[in-house]
Amino acid sequence: MTLIEAALLGIVQGLTEFLPISSSAHLRIIPALAGWDDPGAPFTAIVQIGTLVAVLFYFRRDIVAISRAVIEGMVKRKPLGSAESKMGWMIAAGTLPIVVFGLLFKTEIETSLRSLYWVSGALICLALILSLAEGKIKNRLQKGLSLKSMKDIGWKEALLIGLAQSIALIPGSSRSGVTITGGLFLNLSREAAARFSFLLSLPSVFAAAILQLYKTWGSITASSDSATNIVVATCAAGIVGYASIAFLLNYLKEHSTTIFIAYRLVAGVAVLYLVVTGVLQP
């Protein structure tokens, strides 16, 4: 991987991690189109440190408040004594499904599921499911019914959205895409679904990144070029990722996810066509 490739892939990671269009799909598709080697699942996981830092910085006040409340709750032996501490434990519980499925299907996630057939299929299928969720929200608004905000999220929402997050292990599905979709089906507003999606991603992204860093540290530090590429890609992902968070949250206040649904369908069909016609190797 050249330095330019690393920087471009970092930008792609930052841009697509938070938009519901799948960063893993783009990190698989763009190198294939450009004739580069597949950067692999470990590269994707490590570079997510950049987007992890972006989430930590953007939601720093929420994270500090939740962390402080959880600690205070444990000290006072009232772990669910406040809304913030309850949110912290719900995020922890919502993380369990992706941890379990990630460990069970680790080999497949890093190998066979990276096939462009899977990627294109996930792009298309999840676009259709997101479209159904959008239809449900629009129907609810037309009837004059209210949508749930962050303060309305309970254990049911946290666990079901956490279960939806495990689908993001399939490249092409999109972590933010599946969790926002889950939130919409549970009658969360688009903005609330996105905010909870970003907060829910913190534990699993952190764990995956640390695990891959530990496993691949030898190859990363084997040469200065390799280490430099990782650092550049991670920094680029963090900077662009921060801007993506701000954009999406503001966008969803007034708009639906229709533009992302259309993009996923076009991208998925295009990739499938290129693979079937032999332009791209699956």
Protein backbone atom coordinates (compact mmCIF):
# COMPACT_ATOMS: atom_id res chain seq x y z
CA MET A 1 0.00 0.00 0.00
CA THR A 2 1.35 3.41 -0.96
CA LEU A 3 0.96 6.50 1.22
CA ILE A 4 -1.56 7.96 -1.24
CA GLU A 5 -3.62 4.76 -1.15
CA ALA A 6 -3.56 4.81 2.65
CA ALA A 7 -4.69 8.45 2.79
CA LEU A 8 -7.50 7.87 0.29
CA LEU A 9 -8.72 4.77 2.13
CA GLY A 10 -8.65 6.73 5.39
CA ILE A 11 -10.79 9.45 3.83
CA VAL A 12 -13.19 6.82 2.50
CA GLN A 13 -13.39 5.21 5.96
CA GLY A 14 -14.14 8.53 7.64
CA LEU A 15 -16.72 9.55 5.05
CA THR A 16 -18.62 6.26 4.95
CA GLU A 17 -18.35 4.99 8.56
CA PHE A 18 -21.18 7.17 9.81
CA LEU A 19 -23.28 7.57 6.68
CA PRO A 20 -25.58 4.54 6.26
CA ILE A 21 -23.78 3.35 3.13
CA SER A 22 -21.17 0.97 4.64
CA SER A 23 -17.50 1.79 5.13
CA SER A 24 -16.48 -1.89 4.88
CA ALA A 25 -18.16 -2.12 1.46
CA HIS A 26 -16.32 0.92 0.14
CA LEU A 27 -12.98 -0.25 1.55
CA ARG A 28 -13.56 -3.48 -0.35
CA ILE A 29 -15.00 -2.01 -3.58
CA ILE A 30 -12.72 0.99 -4.17
CA PRO A 31 -9.45 -0.99 -4.02
CA ALA A 32 -11.01 -3.58 -6.36
CA LEU A 33 -11.97 -0.88 -8.87
CA ALA A 34 -8.54 0.76 -8.61
CA GLY A 35 -6.69 -2.53 -9.00
CA TRP A 36 -5.22 -2.40 -5.47
CA ASP A 37 -4.96 -5.29 -3.05
CA ASP A 38 -7.83 -5.79 -0.61
CA PRO A 39 -6.67 -3.95 2.55
CA GLY A 40 -8.37 -6.65 4.61
CA ALA A 41 -10.57 -6.72 7.71
CA PRO A 42 -7.66 -5.99 10.13
CA PHE A 43 -6.81 -2.74 8.28
CA THR A 44 -10.47 -1.71 8.41
CA ALA A 45 -10.69 -2.42 12.15
CA ILE A 46 -7.50 -0.53 12.99
CA VAL A 47 -8.34 2.53 10.89
CA GLN A 48 -11.66 2.67 12.74
CA ILE A 49 -9.65 4.05 15.66
CA GLY A 50 -9.73 7.33 13.76
CA THR A 51 -13.51 7.33 13.52
CA LEU A 52 -13.70 6.14 17.13
CA VAL A 53 -11.77 9.24 18.21
CA ALA A 54 -14.14 11.35 16.10
CA VAL A 55 -17.15 9.95 18.00
CA LEU A 56 -15.41 10.40 21.35
CA PHE A 57 -14.64 14.03 20.58
CA TYR A 58 -18.03 14.88 19.07
CA PHE A 59 -20.00 13.30 21.92
CA ARG A 60 -17.45 14.10 24.64
CA ARG A 61 -20.01 15.77 26.92
CA ASP A 62 -22.46 12.86 26.64
CA ILE A 63 -19.68 10.32 27.18
CA VAL A 64 -18.30 12.12 30.24
CA ALA A 65 -21.79 12.44 31.73
CA ILE A 66 -22.61 8.76 31.09
CA SER A 67 -19.24 7.53 32.41
CA ARG A 68 -19.47 9.66 35.55
CA ALA A 69 -23.03 8.50 36.20
CA VAL A 70 -22.11 4.82 35.78
CA ILE A 71 -19.22 5.14 38.24
CA GLU A 72 -21.31 7.08 40.75
CA GLY A 73 -24.10 4.54 40.43
CA MET A 74 -21.74 1.66 41.17
CA VAL A 75 -20.23 3.48 44.17
CA LYS A 76 -23.70 4.27 45.58
CA ARG A 77 -24.93 0.74 44.69
CA LYS A 78 -27.64 2.23 42.52
CA PRO A 79 -26.38 1.35 39.01
CA LEU A 80 -29.64 2.44 37.36
CA GLY A 81 -30.22 5.44 39.60
CA SER A 82 -30.06 8.06 36.84
CA ALA A 83 -30.92 8.35 33.16
CA GLU A 84 -27.23 8.70 32.25
CA SER A 85 -26.12 5.60 34.18
CA LYS A 86 -29.03 3.63 32.72
CA MET A 87 -27.94 4.71 29.24
CA GLY A 88 -24.41 3.48 29.96
CA TRP A 89 -25.61 0.04 30.98
CA MET A 90 -28.00 -0.14 28.03
CA ILE A 91 -25.12 0.60 25.67
CA ALA A 92 -23.12 -2.19 27.34
CA ALA A 93 -26.02 -4.62 26.99
CA GLY A 94 -26.63 -3.58 23.39
CA THR A 95 -22.99 -4.37 22.58
CA LEU A 96 -23.24 -8.03 23.65
CA PRO A 97 -24.86 -9.40 20.44
CA ILE A 98 -22.12 -8.09 18.12
CA VAL A 99 -19.44 -9.46 20.46
CA VAL A 100 -21.03 -12.92 20.50
CA PHE A 101 -21.64 -13.11 16.74
CA GLY A 102 -18.24 -11.55 16.01
CA LEU A 103 -16.49 -14.32 17.93
CA LEU A 104 -18.69 -17.09 16.49
CA PHE A 105 -18.21 -16.03 12.85
CA LYS A 106 -14.76 -14.44 13.06
CA THR A 107 -13.25 -16.57 10.27
CA GLU A 108 -16.12 -16.00 7.87
CA ILE A 109 -16.14 -12.24 8.53
CA GLU A 110 -12.46 -11.98 7.61
CA THR A 111 -12.66 -14.30 4.56
CA SER A 112 -15.77 -15.50 2.70
CA LEU A 113 -18.09 -12.65 3.74
CA ARG A 114 -15.72 -10.16 2.08
CA SER A 115 -16.79 -11.55 -1.30
CA LEU A 116 -18.24 -8.83 -3.51
CA TYR A 117 -21.33 -11.00 -3.92
CA TRP A 118 -21.99 -10.63 -0.20
CA VAL A 119 -21.10 -6.93 -0.28
CA SER A 120 -23.44 -6.11 -3.17
CA GLY A 121 -26.20 -8.26 -1.70
CA ALA A 122 -25.92 -6.51 1.67
CA LEU A 123 -25.98 -3.07 0.03
CA ILE A 124 -29.17 -3.90 -1.84
CA CYS A 125 -31.02 -5.87 0.86
CA LEU A 126 -30.36 -3.38 3.64
CA ALA A 127 -31.42 -0.52 1.35
CA LEU A 128 -34.79 -2.22 0.89
CA ILE A 129 -35.17 -2.82 4.63
CA LEU A 130 -34.23 0.80 5.40
CA SER A 131 -36.84 1.85 2.85
CA LEU A 132 -39.47 -0.12 4.78
CA ALA A 133 -38.39 1.56 8.02
CA GLU A 134 -38.65 4.98 6.38
CA GLY A 135 -42.14 4.10 5.17
CA LYS A 136 -43.14 3.21 8.73
CA ILE A 137 -41.85 6.55 10.06
CA LYS A 138 -43.55 8.58 7.31
CA ASN A 139 -46.83 6.77 7.93
CA ARG A 140 -46.56 7.51 11.66
CA LEU A 141 -45.89 11.20 11.03
CA GLN A 142 -48.80 11.45 8.60
CA LYS A 143 -51.09 10.14 11.35
CA GLY A 144 -49.83 12.86 13.69
CA LEU A 145 -48.12 10.38 16.02
CA SER A 146 -44.94 11.44 17.82
CA LEU A 147 -41.53 9.81 17.52
CA LYS A 148 -39.26 8.77 20.39
CA SER A 149 -36.27 10.85 21.43
CA MET A 150 -33.06 9.77 23.19
CA LYS A 151 -34.72 10.01 26.62
CA ASP A 152 -37.39 7.52 25.49
CA ILE A 153 -34.87 4.76 24.71
CA GLY A 154 -35.34 1.81 27.07
CA TRP A 155 -33.99 -1.70 27.44
CA LYS A 156 -36.12 -3.05 24.59
CA GLU A 157 -34.80 -0.46 22.16
CA ALA A 158 -31.20 -0.88 23.31
CA LEU A 159 -31.22 -4.66 23.02
CA LEU A 160 -33.04 -4.81 19.69
CA ILE A 161 -30.86 -2.10 18.12
CA GLY A 162 -27.84 -3.94 19.55
CA LEU A 163 -29.05 -7.12 17.88
CA ALA A 164 -29.42 -5.21 14.62
CA GLN A 165 -25.85 -3.94 15.03
CA SER A 166 -24.54 -7.51 14.78
CA ILE A 167 -25.71 -7.58 11.14
CA ALA A 168 -23.01 -4.97 10.49
CA LEU A 169 -20.46 -7.78 10.72
CA ILE A 170 -21.41 -8.53 7.10
CA PRO A 171 -19.43 -6.15 4.86
CA GLY A 172 -21.82 -3.95 2.93
CA SER A 173 -24.52 -3.76 5.59
CA SER A 174 -23.23 -0.63 7.42
CA ARG A 175 -23.07 -0.33 11.20
CA SER A 176 -24.86 3.02 11.22
CA GLY A 177 -27.25 1.79 8.54
CA VAL A 178 -28.52 -1.26 10.42
CA THR A 179 -28.71 0.49 13.80
CA ILE A 180 -30.52 3.52 12.38
CA THR A 181 -32.87 1.14 10.59
CA GLY A 182 -33.51 -0.70 13.85
CA GLY A 183 -34.18 2.60 15.59
CA LEU A 184 -36.66 3.70 12.93
CA PHE A 185 -38.58 0.42 13.21
CA LEU A 186 -38.82 1.11 16.96
CA ASN A 187 -40.28 4.57 16.27
CA LEU A 188 -37.20 6.63 17.14
CA SER A 189 -36.77 9.92 15.32
CA ARG A 190 -34.09 9.83 12.66
CA GLU A 191 -31.77 12.05 14.69
CA ALA A 192 -32.25 10.02 17.90
CA ALA A 193 -31.63 6.78 15.99
CA ALA A 194 -28.39 8.19 14.58
CA ARG A 195 -27.17 9.56 17.94
CA PHE A 196 -27.80 6.26 19.72
CA SER A 197 -26.19 4.44 16.80
CA PHE A 198 -22.96 6.41 17.22
CA LEU A 199 -22.84 5.95 21.01
CA LEU A 200 -23.60 2.23 20.68
CA SER A 201 -20.70 1.80 18.26
CA LEU A 202 -18.06 2.90 20.80
CA PRO A 203 -17.44 -0.33 22.79
CA SER A 204 -17.42 -2.72 19.82
CA VAL A 205 -15.28 -0.51 17.56
CA PHE A 206 -12.79 0.07 20.38
CA ALA A 207 -12.57 -3.65 21.18
CA ALA A 208 -12.17 -4.67 17.51
CA ALA A 209 -9.46 -2.06 16.91
CA ILE A 210 -7.45 -3.02 20.00
CA LEU A 211 -7.70 -6.73 19.14
CA GLN A 212 -6.47 -6.18 15.58
CA LEU A 213 -3.70 -3.87 16.76
CA TYR A 214 -2.51 -6.58 19.13
CA LYS A 215 -2.71 -9.31 16.49
CA THR A 216 -1.03 -7.34 13.69
CA TRP A 217 1.42 -5.20 15.69
CA GLY A 218 4.37 -7.19 14.40
CA SER A 219 3.54 -6.59 10.73
CA ILE A 220 2.61 -2.94 11.35
CA THR A 221 5.93 -2.19 13.01
CA ALA A 222 7.93 -4.37 10.62
CA SER A 223 8.66 -1.32 8.49
CA SER A 224 8.36 2.42 8.87
CA ASP A 225 6.27 2.57 5.69
CA SER A 226 3.66 0.20 7.10
CA ALA A 227 3.37 2.13 10.36
CA THR A 228 3.21 5.46 8.51
CA ASN A 229 0.42 4.21 6.25
CA ILE A 230 -1.67 3.12 9.24
CA VAL A 231 -1.13 6.45 11.03
CA VAL A 232 -1.99 8.51 7.93
CA ALA A 233 -5.11 6.46 7.17
CA THR A 234 -6.27 6.65 10.80
CA CYS A 235 -5.76 10.42 11.04
CA ALA A 236 -7.58 11.00 7.75
CA ALA A 237 -10.46 8.80 8.92
CA GLY A 238 -10.75 10.75 12.18
CA ILE A 239 -10.83 14.21 10.59
CA VAL A 240 -13.30 13.30 7.85
CA GLY A 241 -15.32 11.17 10.28
CA TYR A 242 -15.93 14.12 12.60
CA ALA A 243 -17.30 16.14 9.68
CA SER A 244 -19.49 13.19 8.64
CA ILE A 245 -21.08 12.94 12.09
CA ALA A 246 -21.92 16.64 12.13
CA PHE A 247 -23.33 16.47 8.60
CA LEU A 248 -25.53 13.42 9.19
CA LEU A 249 -27.05 14.61 12.47
CA ASN A 250 -27.92 17.99 10.95
CA TYR A 251 -29.17 16.41 7.74
CA LEU A 252 -31.52 13.98 9.51
CA LYS A 253 -33.21 16.79 11.45
CA GLU A 254 -34.98 17.86 8.27
CA HIS A 255 -34.50 15.02 5.77
CA SER A 256 -35.17 11.31 5.42
CA THR A 257 -32.60 8.66 4.50
CA THR A 258 -33.97 8.36 0.95
CA ILE A 259 -30.77 9.64 -0.67
CA PHE A 260 -28.75 6.94 1.08
CA ILE A 261 -31.25 4.26 0.13
CA ALA A 262 -30.95 5.27 -3.54
CA TYR A 263 -27.16 5.34 -3.34
CA ARG A 264 -27.01 1.86 -1.78
CA LEU A 265 -29.27 0.41 -4.48
CA VAL A 266 -27.27 1.97 -7.33
CA ALA A 267 -23.92 0.96 -5.80
CA GLY A 268 -25.09 -2.58 -5.01
CA VAL A 269 -26.52 -3.21 -8.49
CA ALA A 270 -23.42 -1.68 -10.15
CA VAL A 271 -21.01 -3.85 -8.16
CA LEU A 272 -23.07 -6.98 -8.81
CA TYR A 273 -23.11 -6.19 -12.55
CA LEU A 274 -19.32 -5.68 -12.61
CA VAL A 275 -18.75 -8.99 -10.83
CA VAL A 276 -21.17 -10.97 -12.99
CA THR A 277 -19.64 -9.54 -16.20
CA GLY A 278 -16.14 -10.36 -14.99
CA VAL A 279 -14.90 -6.76 -14.71
CA LEU A 280 -14.29 -7.32 -11.00
CA GLN A 281 -13.22 -10.52 -9.27
CA PRO A 282 -15.54 -11.42 -6.40
